Amino acid sequence: MTSISTALGTALITGASTGIGAIYADRFAARGYDLILVARNKDKLQSLAAQISDKTGRTVEVLDADLGKAADLARVEKVLRDDASVTVLVNNAGIGTHATLLESDVEKMDAMIQLNVTALMRLTYAAVPGMVARGGGTVINIASIVAVAPELLNGVYGGTKAFVQAFTTSLNHELSAQGIRAQAVLPGATRTDFWALGGLPVEHLPSEIVMQAEDMVDAALSGLDQGETSTIPALRDVELWNAFEAARAALAPQLSATHSAPRFNVAV
């Protein structure tokens, strides 16, 4: 099918060969975006690219890269800096584990931080200046419910996702007035190979808490369309999140002062 030029631009999606990333690729192509798909497995990327291009007529490029490797990460950063067509960045690539601190390999934890935090941060830094210069763009960062409930899984994993949530909140604070939209997506348990790769196959989880990946992505994109800056696809009562954010905002005036709070009974 012949590609049709689009005024929407290009969506660059990491971790795009399978699961959540592949679904984002399908959905953005259906919305009329061209794609740049990034992942380690070139064969899977090419197969997905052909399927999407045949179905939608969009231009789909593939970039095989391991974002845990500095040289590969730098190649993707260069694309984001140089390609003025990129209007959307989906930072989906990531790894996780359910292992406790005492059961974890510190080198694997460090690799998790490099991918979940450092790569995401560097790709955002590469993309956003050009978006600002061009007057707009969207960054979607895949976090996790453990960003606000770190007790549920491995603490390092929770810490990386708390970074993603905080970083996205800061992006909105700094850049929304300059046309940049940033959304953190906080999925709960989602039916992908993420769980098996982390040592806990999804089949071992209670079925009533596991969402289909397609449902998760569609809910996240609906949240984006509705202007949400943080989207929890499973959350039925959005007022709970609004109350959480209101409580956080209410803390602000009391977070810094010239003296310690009277409740500590510290002599001045």
C-alpha atoms as a PDB file:
ATOM      1  CA  MET A   1       0.000   0.000   0.000  1.00  0.00           C
ATOM      2  CA  THR A   2       1.365   3.421  -0.912  1.00  0.00           C
ATOM      3  CA  SER A   3       2.233   5.729   1.967  1.00  0.00           C
ATOM      4  CA  ILE A   4       0.249   8.921   2.335  1.00  0.00           C
ATOM      5  CA  SER A   5       1.987  11.989   3.774  1.00  0.00           C
ATOM      6  CA  THR A   6       0.717  13.057   7.161  1.00  0.00           C
ATOM      7  CA  ALA A   7       0.567  16.393   8.900  1.00  0.00           C
ATOM      8  CA  LEU A   8       0.573  14.564  12.242  1.00  0.00           C
ATOM      9  CA  GLY A   9       4.231  13.627  11.982  1.00  0.00           C
ATOM     10  CA  THR A  10       6.047  10.576  13.264  1.00  0.00           C
ATOM     11  CA  ALA A  11       5.745   8.618  16.482  1.00  0.00           C
ATOM     12  CA  LEU A  12       8.959   7.025  17.737  1.00  0.00           C
ATOM     13  CA  ILE A  13       8.171   4.089  20.006  1.00  0.00           C
ATOM     14  CA  THR A  14      10.707   2.139  22.061  1.00  0.00           C
ATOM     15  CA  GLY A  15      10.254  -1.482  23.064  1.00  0.00           C
ATOM     16  CA  ALA A  16       8.066  -1.696  19.985  1.00  0.00           C
ATOM     17  CA  SER A  17       8.562  -5.251  18.749  1.00  0.00           C
ATOM     18  CA  THR A  18       5.995  -6.922  21.040  1.00  0.00           C
ATOM     19  CA  GLY A  19       3.416  -6.282  23.739  1.00  0.00           C
ATOM     20  CA  ILE A  20       2.499  -2.754  24.771  1.00  0.00           C
ATOM     21  CA  GLY A  21       4.937  -1.109  22.375  1.00  0.00           C
ATOM     22  CA  ALA A  22       3.617  -3.019  19.366  1.00  0.00           C
ATOM     23  CA  ILE A  23       0.049  -2.057  20.276  1.00  0.00           C
ATOM     24  CA  TYR A  24       1.021   1.608  20.575  1.00  0.00           C
ATOM     25  CA  ALA A  25       2.566   1.299  17.113  1.00  0.00           C
ATOM     26  CA  ASP A  26      -0.644  -0.129  15.693  1.00  0.00           C
ATOM     27  CA  ARG A  27      -2.786   2.539  17.341  1.00  0.00           C
ATOM     28  CA  PHE A  28      -0.654   5.505  16.314  1.00  0.00           C
ATOM     29  CA  ALA A  29      -0.478   4.276  12.727  1.00  0.00           C
ATOM     30  CA  ALA A  30      -4.277   3.915  12.733  1.00  0.00           C
ATOM     31  CA  ARG A  31      -4.485   7.534  13.921  1.00  0.00           C
ATOM     32  CA  GLY A  32      -2.444   8.625  10.910  1.00  0.00           C
ATOM     33  CA  TYR A  33       1.127   8.838  12.226  1.00  0.00           C
ATOM     34  CA  ASP A  34       4.209   7.514  10.517  1.00  0.00           C
ATOM     35  CA  LEU A  35       6.351   5.383  12.800  1.00  0.00           C
ATOM     36  CA  ILE A  36       9.905   4.728  13.889  1.00  0.00           C
ATOM     37  CA  LEU A  37       9.977   1.453  15.818  1.00  0.00           C
ATOM     38  CA  VAL A  38      12.865   0.782  18.201  1.00  0.00           C
ATOM     39  CA  ALA A  39      13.722  -2.560  19.820  1.00  0.00           C
ATOM     40  CA  ARG A  40      16.489  -5.131  19.966  1.00  0.00           C
ATOM     41  CA  ASN A  41      14.924  -7.787  17.716  1.00  0.00           C
ATOM     42  CA  LYS A  42      15.256  -6.599  14.131  1.00  0.00           C
ATOM     43  CA  ASP A  43      13.312  -9.526  12.649  1.00  0.00           C
ATOM     44  CA  LYS A  44      10.286  -8.879  14.862  1.00  0.00           C
ATOM     45  CA  LEU A  45      10.469  -5.163  14.128  1.00  0.00           C
ATOM     46  CA  GLN A  46      10.539  -5.738  10.382  1.00  0.00           C
ATOM     47  CA  SER A  47       7.627  -8.162  10.548  1.00  0.00           C
ATOM     48  CA  LEU A  48       5.554  -5.719  12.593  1.00  0.00           C
ATOM     49  CA  ALA A  49       6.516  -2.824  10.331  1.00  0.00           C
ATOM     50  CA  ALA A  50       5.354  -4.717   7.241  1.00  0.00           C
ATOM     51  CA  GLN A  51       2.040  -5.636   8.872  1.00  0.00           C
ATOM     52  CA  ILE A  52       1.321  -2.075   9.968  1.00  0.00           C
ATOM     53  CA  SER A  53       2.397  -0.509   6.692  1.00  0.00           C
ATOM     54  CA  ASP A  54       0.278  -2.932   4.660  1.00  0.00           C
ATOM     55  CA  LYS A  55      -2.751  -2.290   6.867  1.00  0.00           C
ATOM     56  CA  THR A  56      -2.532   1.487   7.228  1.00  0.00           C
ATOM     57  CA  GLY A  57      -0.361   2.800   4.415  1.00  0.00           C
ATOM     58  CA  ARG A  58       1.859   4.609   6.885  1.00  0.00           C
ATOM     59  CA  THR A  59       5.620   4.836   6.520  1.00  0.00           C
ATOM     60  CA  VAL A  60       7.203   2.591   9.145  1.00  0.00           C
ATOM     61  CA  GLU A  61      10.963   2.620   9.787  1.00  0.00           C
ATOM     62  CA  VAL A  62      12.749   0.206  12.091  1.00  0.00           C
ATOM     63  CA  LEU A  63      15.762   0.866  14.264  1.00  0.00           C
ATOM     64  CA  ASP A  64      17.221  -2.158  16.007  1.00  0.00           C
ATOM     65  CA  ALA A  65      18.909  -0.947  19.182  1.00  0.00           C
ATOM     66  CA  ASP A  66      19.606  -2.162  22.689  1.00  0.00           C
ATOM     67  CA  LEU A  67      18.927   0.904  24.822  1.00  0.00           C
ATOM     68  CA  GLY A  68      20.990  -0.579  27.631  1.00  0.00           C
ATOM     69  CA  LYS A  69      24.083  -0.065  25.456  1.00  0.00           C
ATOM     70  CA  ALA A  70      25.512   3.439  25.231  1.00  0.00           C
ATOM     71  CA  ALA A  71      26.326   3.296  21.525  1.00  0.00           C
ATOM     72  CA  ASP A  72      22.868   2.049  20.572  1.00  0.00           C
ATOM     73  CA  LEU A  73      21.194   4.600  22.824  1.00  0.00           C
ATOM     74  CA  ALA A  74      23.247   7.364  21.203  1.00  0.00           C
ATOM     75  CA  ARG A  75      22.020   6.284  17.747  1.00  0.00           C
ATOM     76  CA  VAL A  76      18.403   6.659  18.821  1.00  0.00           C
ATOM     77  CA  GLU A  77      19.145   9.996  20.503  1.00  0.00           C
ATOM     78  CA  LYS A  78      20.596  11.243  17.222  1.00  0.00           C
ATOM     79  CA  VAL A  79      17.436  10.312  15.345  1.00  0.00           C
ATOM     80  CA  LEU A  80      15.340  12.219  17.871  1.00  0.00           C
ATOM     81  CA  ARG A  81      17.564  15.275  17.615  1.00  0.00           C
ATOM     82  CA  ASP A  82      17.816  15.243  13.809  1.00  0.00           C
ATOM     83  CA  ASP A  83      14.418  14.065  12.565  1.00  0.00           C
ATOM     84  CA  ALA A  84      12.097  17.074  12.583  1.00  0.00           C
ATOM     85  CA  SER A  85       9.108  14.882  11.719  1.00  0.00           C
ATOM     86  CA  VAL A  86       9.025  13.300  15.194  1.00  0.00           C
ATOM     87  CA  THR A  87       6.066  14.731  17.089  1.00  0.00           C
ATOM     88  CA  VAL A  88       5.483  11.855  19.524  1.00  0.00           C
ATOM     89  CA  LEU A  89       7.914   9.911  21.695  1.00  0.00           C
ATOM     90  CA  VAL A  90       6.641   6.809  23.488  1.00  0.00           C
ATOM     91  CA  ASN A  91       9.173   5.702  26.109  1.00  0.00           C
ATOM     92  CA  ASN A  92       7.941   2.149  26.548  1.00  0.00           C
ATOM     93  CA  ALA A  93      11.133   0.079  26.768  1.00  0.00           C
ATOM     94  CA  GLY A  94      11.762  -1.229  30.260  1.00  0.00           C
ATOM     95  CA  ILE A  95      12.405  -4.255  32.424  1.00  0.00           C
ATOM     96  CA  GLY A  96      11.261  -5.314  35.872  1.00  0.00           C
ATOM     97  CA  THR A  97      11.378  -7.999  38.514  1.00  0.00           C
ATOM     98  CA  HIS A  98       9.389  -9.143  41.521  1.00  0.00           C
ATOM     99  CA  ALA A  99      12.487 -10.314  43.470  1.00  0.00           C
ATOM    100  CA  THR A 100      13.164  -8.801  46.882  1.00  0.00           C
ATOM    101  CA  LEU A 101      16.331  -6.865  47.665  1.00  0.00           C
ATOM    102  CA  LEU A 102      17.987  -9.868  49.299  1.00  0.00           C
ATOM    103  CA  GLU A 103      17.149 -12.056  46.297  1.00  0.00           C
ATOM    104  CA  SER A 104      18.303  -9.571  43.663  1.00  0.00           C
ATOM    105  CA  ASP A 105      21.500  -9.364  41.642  1.00  0.00           C
ATOM    106  CA  VAL A 106      22.821  -5.833  42.039  1.00  0.00           C
ATOM    107  CA  GLU A 107      24.243  -5.828  38.504  1.00  0.00           C
ATOM    108  CA  LYS A 108      20.785  -6.621  37.122  1.00  0.00           C
ATOM    109  CA  MET A 109      19.344  -3.855  39.265  1.00  0.00           C
ATOM    110  CA  ASP A 110      21.885  -1.439  37.819  1.00  0.00           C
ATOM    111  CA  ALA A 111      20.963  -2.551  34.289  1.00  0.00           C
ATOM    112  CA  MET A 112      17.312  -1.937  35.158  1.00  0.00           C
ATOM    113  CA  ILE A 113      18.103   1.610  36.235  1.00  0.00           C
ATOM    114  CA  GLN A 114      20.060   2.212  33.031  1.00  0.00           C
ATOM    115  CA  LEU A 115      17.117   1.172  30.867  1.00  0.00           C
ATOM    116  CA  ASN A 116      14.131   2.344  32.906  1.00  0.00           C
ATOM    117  CA  VAL A 117      15.637   5.653  34.005  1.00  0.00           C
ATOM    118  CA  THR A 118      18.760   6.696  32.120  1.00  0.00           C
ATOM    119  CA  ALA A 119      17.631   5.696  28.626  1.00  0.00           C
ATOM    120  CA  LEU A 120      14.184   7.235  29.101  1.00  0.00           C
ATOM    121  CA  MET A 121      15.701  10.449  30.416  1.00  0.00           C
ATOM    122  CA  ARG A 122      18.259  10.730  27.615  1.00  0.00           C
ATOM    123  CA  LEU A 123      15.726  10.052  24.871  1.00  0.00           C
ATOM    124  CA  THR A 124      13.433  12.703  26.311  1.00  0.00           C
ATOM    125  CA  TYR A 125      16.289  15.197  26.474  1.00  0.00           C
ATOM    126  CA  ALA A 126      17.070  14.406  22.840  1.00  0.00           C
ATOM    127  CA  ALA A 127      13.495  14.839  21.629  1.00  0.00           C
ATOM    128  CA  VAL A 128      12.038  17.729  23.588  1.00  0.00           C
ATOM    129  CA  PRO A 129      14.233  20.682  22.510  1.00  0.00           C
ATOM    130  CA  GLY A 130      13.274  20.128  18.876  1.00  0.00           C
ATOM    131  CA  MET A 131       9.624  19.745  19.798  1.00  0.00           C
ATOM    132  CA  VAL A 132       9.736  23.040  21.671  1.00  0.00           C
ATOM    133  CA  ALA A 133      11.438  24.751  18.734  1.00  0.00           C
ATOM    134  CA  ARG A 134       8.751  23.413  16.383  1.00  0.00           C
ATOM    135  CA  GLY A 135       5.949  24.514  18.699  1.00  0.00           C
ATOM    136  CA  GLY A 136       4.660  21.242  20.095  1.00  0.00           C
ATOM    137  CA  GLY A 137       5.005  17.549  20.734  1.00  0.00           C
ATOM    138  CA  THR A 138       3.941  14.690  22.961  1.00  0.00           C
ATOM    139  CA  VAL A 139       5.946  12.471  25.294  1.00  0.00           C
ATOM    140  CA  ILE A 140       4.308   9.332  26.689  1.00  0.00           C
ATOM    141  CA  ASN A 141       6.256   7.642  29.473  1.00  0.00           C
ATOM    142  CA  ILE A 142       5.219   4.160  30.575  1.00  0.00           C
ATOM    143  CA  ALA A 143       5.498   4.058  34.352  1.00  0.00           C
ATOM    144  CA  SER A 144       3.627   1.619  36.616  1.00  0.00           C
ATOM    145  CA  ILE A 145       1.273   1.588  39.574  1.00  0.00           C
ATOM    146  CA  VAL A 146       4.346   0.803  41.679  1.00  0.00           C
ATOM    147  CA  ALA A 147       5.320   4.447  41.175  1.00  0.00           C
ATOM    148  CA  VAL A 148       2.733   5.188  43.875  1.00  0.00           C
ATOM    149  CA  ALA A 149       2.624   1.730  45.507  1.00  0.00           C
ATOM    150  CA  PRO A 150       6.285   0.625  45.680  1.00  0.00           C
ATOM    151  CA  GLU A 151       5.570  -2.052  48.286  1.00  0.00           C
ATOM    152  CA  LEU A 152       3.925  -4.241  45.648  1.00  0.00           C
ATOM    153  CA  LEU A 153       7.063  -5.323  43.776  1.00  0.00           C
ATOM    154  CA  ASN A 154      10.838  -5.014  43.775  1.00  0.00           C
ATOM    155  CA  GLY A 155      11.963  -1.727  45.343  1.00  0.00           C
ATOM    156  CA  VAL A 156      14.446  -0.809  42.630  1.00  0.00           C
ATOM    157  CA  TYR A 157      11.800  -1.365  39.980  1.00  0.00           C
ATOM    158  CA  GLY A 158       9.382   0.771  41.987  1.00  0.00           C
ATOM    159  CA  GLY A 159      12.048   3.433  42.344  1.00  0.00           C
ATOM    160  CA  THR A 160      12.628   3.566  38.594  1.00  0.00           C
ATOM    161  CA  LYS A 161       8.927   3.997  37.953  1.00  0.00           C
ATOM    162  CA  ALA A 162       8.630   6.651  40.664  1.00  0.00           C
ATOM    163  CA  PHE A 163      11.328   8.504  38.724  1.00  0.00           C
ATOM    164  CA  VAL A 164       9.274   8.211  35.541  1.00  0.00           C
ATOM    165  CA  GLN A 165       6.210   9.612  37.301  1.00  0.00           C
ATOM    166  CA  ALA A 166       8.153  12.481  38.911  1.00  0.00           C
ATOM    167  CA  PHE A 167      10.023  13.271  35.700  1.00  0.00           C
ATOM    168  CA  THR A 168       6.800  13.415  33.705  1.00  0.00           C
ATOM    169  CA  THR A 169       5.161  15.657  36.299  1.00  0.00           C
ATOM    170  CA  SER A 170       8.131  18.010  36.026  1.00  0.00           C
ATOM    171  CA  LEU A 171       7.989  17.990  32.214  1.00  0.00           C
ATOM    172  CA  ASN A 172       4.394  19.156  32.353  1.00  0.00           C
ATOM    173  CA  HIS A 173       5.222  21.839  34.900  1.00  0.00           C
ATOM    174  CA  GLU A 174       8.108  23.191  32.844  1.00  0.00           C
ATOM    175  CA  LEU A 175       6.951  22.763  29.275  1.00  0.00           C
ATOM    176  CA  SER A 176       3.166  22.649  28.948  1.00  0.00           C
ATOM    177  CA  ALA A 177       3.097  26.361  28.167  1.00  0.00           C
ATOM    178  CA  GLN A 178       5.503  25.689  25.291  1.00  0.00           C
ATOM    179  CA  GLY A 179       3.248  23.179  23.592  1.00  0.00           C
ATOM    180  CA  ILE A 180       4.651  19.978  25.084  1.00  0.00           C
ATOM    181  CA  ARG A 181       2.240  17.348  26.369  1.00  0.00           C
ATOM    182  CA  ALA A 182       3.663  14.745  28.726  1.00  0.00           C
ATOM    183  CA  GLN A 183       1.712  11.769  30.017  1.00  0.00           C
ATOM    184  CA  ALA A 184       2.758   9.136  32.521  1.00  0.00           C
ATOM    185  CA  VAL A 185       0.906   5.851  32.102  1.00  0.00           C
ATOM    186  CA  LEU A 186       0.657   3.736  35.250  1.00  0.00           C
ATOM    187  CA  PRO A 187      -0.502   0.241  34.285  1.00  0.00           C
ATOM    188  CA  GLY A 188      -1.293  -2.446  36.789  1.00  0.00           C
ATOM    189  CA  ALA A 189      -0.689  -6.085  35.936  1.00  0.00           C
ATOM    190  CA  THR A 190      -0.922  -6.372  32.145  1.00  0.00           C
ATOM    191  CA  ARG A 191      -0.904  -9.536  30.056  1.00  0.00           C
ATOM    192  CA  THR A 192       2.498  -9.335  28.329  1.00  0.00           C
ATOM    193  CA  ASP A 193       5.769 -11.255  28.493  1.00  0.00           C
ATOM    194  CA  PHE A 194       7.045  -8.637  30.976  1.00  0.00           C
ATOM    195  CA  TRP A 195       6.113 -10.914  33.868  1.00  0.00           C
ATOM    196  CA  ALA A 196       7.803 -14.032  32.517  1.00  0.00           C
ATOM    197  CA  LEU A 197      10.982 -12.067  31.758  1.00  0.00           C
ATOM    198  CA  GLY A 198      10.918 -10.810  35.357  1.00  0.00           C
ATOM    199  CA  GLY A 199      10.639 -14.337  36.738  1.00  0.00           C
ATOM    200  CA  LEU A 200       6.895 -14.474  37.472  1.00  0.00           C
ATOM    201  CA  PRO A 201       4.711 -15.684  34.569  1.00  0.00           C
ATOM    202  CA  VAL A 202       1.478 -13.725  34.333  1.00  0.00           C
ATOM    203  CA  GLU A 203      -0.458 -16.981  34.652  1.00  0.00           C
ATOM    204  CA  HIS A 204       0.614 -17.078  38.307  1.00  0.00           C
ATOM    205  CA  LEU A 205      -1.209 -13.823  39.059  1.00  0.00           C
ATOM    206  CA  PRO A 206      -4.883 -13.656  40.075  1.00  0.00           C
ATOM    207  CA  SER A 207      -6.784 -13.362  36.798  1.00  0.00           C
ATOM    208  CA  GLU A 208      -9.064 -10.651  38.187  1.00  0.00           C
ATOM    209  CA  ILE A 209      -6.180  -8.160  38.391  1.00  0.00           C
ATOM    210  CA  VAL A 210      -4.667  -8.779  34.936  1.00  0.00           C
ATOM    211  CA  MET A 211      -5.660  -6.475  32.069  1.00  0.00           C
ATOM    212  CA  GLN A 212      -5.297  -7.271  28.387  1.00  0.00           C
ATOM    213  CA  ALA A 213      -2.544  -5.166  26.829  1.00  0.00           C
ATOM    214  CA  GLU A 214      -4.882  -3.838  24.126  1.00  0.00           C
ATOM    215  CA  ASP A 215      -7.324  -2.577  26.758  1.00  0.00           C
ATOM    216  CA  MET A 216      -4.494  -0.950  28.676  1.00  0.00           C
ATOM    217  CA  VAL A 217      -3.158   0.962  25.665  1.00  0.00           C
ATOM    218  CA  ASP A 218      -6.601   2.029  24.489  1.00  0.00           C
ATOM    219  CA  ALA A 219      -7.436   3.360  27.963  1.00  0.00           C
ATOM    220  CA  ALA A 220      -4.098   5.187  28.121  1.00  0.00           C
ATOM    221  CA  LEU A 221      -4.693   6.834  24.753  1.00  0.00           C
ATOM    222  CA  SER A 222      -8.197   7.823  25.829  1.00  0.00           C
ATOM    223  CA  GLY A 223      -6.624   9.408  28.906  1.00  0.00           C
ATOM    224  CA  LEU A 224      -4.219  11.284  26.660  1.00  0.00           C
ATOM    225  CA  ASP A 225      -7.116  12.509  24.521  1.00  0.00           C
ATOM    226  CA  GLN A 226      -8.872  13.693  27.676  1.00  0.00           C
ATOM    227  CA  GLY A 227      -5.835  15.718  28.722  1.00  0.00           C
ATOM    228  CA  GLU A 228      -4.683  13.521  31.596  1.00  0.00           C
ATOM    229  CA  THR A 229      -1.062  13.908  32.613  1.00  0.00           C
ATOM    230  CA  SER A 230      -1.137  10.711  34.690  1.00  0.00           C
ATOM    231  CA  THR A 231      -3.317   7.807  33.606  1.00  0.00           C
ATOM    232  CA  ILE A 232      -4.056   4.674  35.621  1.00  0.00           C
ATOM    233  CA  PRO A 233      -6.020   2.482  33.198  1.00  0.00           C
ATOM    234  CA  ALA A 234      -7.615   0.372  35.958  1.00  0.00           C
ATOM    235  CA  LEU A 235      -8.698   3.299  38.148  1.00  0.00           C
ATOM    236  CA  ARG A 236     -12.487   3.562  38.194  1.00  0.00           C
ATOM    237  CA  ASP A 237     -12.836   6.491  40.595  1.00  0.00           C
ATOM    238  CA  VAL A 238     -10.710   9.320  39.234  1.00  0.00           C
ATOM    239  CA  GLU A 239     -11.588  11.389  42.296  1.00  0.00           C
ATOM    240  CA  LEU A 240      -9.230   9.177  44.301  1.00  0.00           C
ATOM    241  CA  TRP A 241      -6.343  10.342  42.097  1.00  0.00           C
ATOM    242  CA  ASN A 242      -7.557  13.934  42.254  1.00  0.00           C
ATOM    243  CA  ALA A 243      -7.575  13.708  46.058  1.00  0.00           C
ATOM    244  CA  PHE A 244      -4.073  12.224  45.991  1.00  0.00           C
ATOM    245  CA  GLU A 245      -2.819  15.118  43.876  1.00  0.00           C
ATOM    246  CA  ALA A 246      -4.660  17.655  46.037  1.00  0.00           C
ATOM    247  CA  ALA A 247      -3.054  16.227  49.162  1.00  0.00           C
ATOM    248  CA  ARG A 248       0.359  16.430  47.499  1.00  0.00           C
ATOM    249  CA  ALA A 249      -0.268  20.056  46.536  1.00  0.00           C
ATOM    250  CA  ALA A 250      -1.403  20.848  50.081  1.00  0.00           C
ATOM    251  CA  LEU A 251       1.978  19.698  51.401  1.00  0.00           C
ATOM    252  CA  ALA A 252       3.871  22.265  49.320  1.00  0.00           C
ATOM    253  CA  PRO A 253       3.646  25.254  51.702  1.00  0.00           C
ATOM    254  CA  GLN A 254       4.976  23.152  54.574  1.00  0.00           C
ATOM    255  CA  LEU A 255       7.867  21.346  52.895  1.00  0.00           C
ATOM    256  CA  SER A 256      10.535  23.968  53.591  1.00  0.00           C
ATOM    257  CA  ALA A 257      10.919  26.499  56.421  1.00  0.00           C
ATOM    258  CA  THR A 258      13.522  28.362  58.455  1.00  0.00           C
ATOM    259  CA  HIS A 259      12.881  26.219  61.551  1.00  0.00           C
ATOM    260  CA  SER A 260      11.829  22.664  62.256  1.00  0.00           C
ATOM    261  CA  ALA A 261       8.162  22.049  62.948  1.00  0.00           C
ATOM    262  CA  PRO A 262       7.030  22.564  66.563  1.00  0.00           C
ATOM    263  CA  ARG A 263       5.952  18.903  66.764  1.00  0.00           C
ATOM    264  CA  PHE A 264       9.635  17.874  66.945  1.00  0.00           C
ATOM    265  CA  ASN A 265      10.245  19.956  70.104  1.00  0.00           C
ATOM    266  CA  VAL A 266      13.671  21.065  68.875  1.00  0.00           C
ATOM    267  CA  ALA A 267      15.036  24.060  70.762  1.00  0.00           C
ATOM    268  CA  VAL A 268      15.956  26.984  68.540  1.00  0.00           C
END
